[in-house]
Amino acid sequence: MPIGNRFVLIGLTAAGMLLTGCGRPADIAGGAALAAETGCVACHGTNGRGTGPTFPNINGQHAGYMYEQLRKYRSGERVNVIMNDQAQQLTNAQMELLARYYAAQ
């Protein structure tokens, strides 16, 4: 395996390890507070179930997947007028916490 591919594999493995701690008490409490503070609950509710037909359910979604989608919204790689603006306000740590929180719902 070329050395560049090894670094990518190591990075992906490390990211996966960070995101597998779903459901820890600190994630639940901190995630709930952050979801309320940043306005996530307005569309996705406190339990991750969309508050209306145009807002997707994100409860129980894999944390790594949700983190990646937030990263894509923040970079503009994935486009949604609301989510692009919301994600641009988040740090990597906040995106990770929100992903873990909603994954645990």
Foldseek 3Di string as FASTA:
>chain_A
DDPVVVVVVVVVVVLVVLQPPAPDPCLQVVLLVLCVVLVVCVALNSQQPGPDPVGHRQAQPRLSVQLVVLVCLCVVVDDDPVSVVSSVVDDSVNSSSNSSNRSND
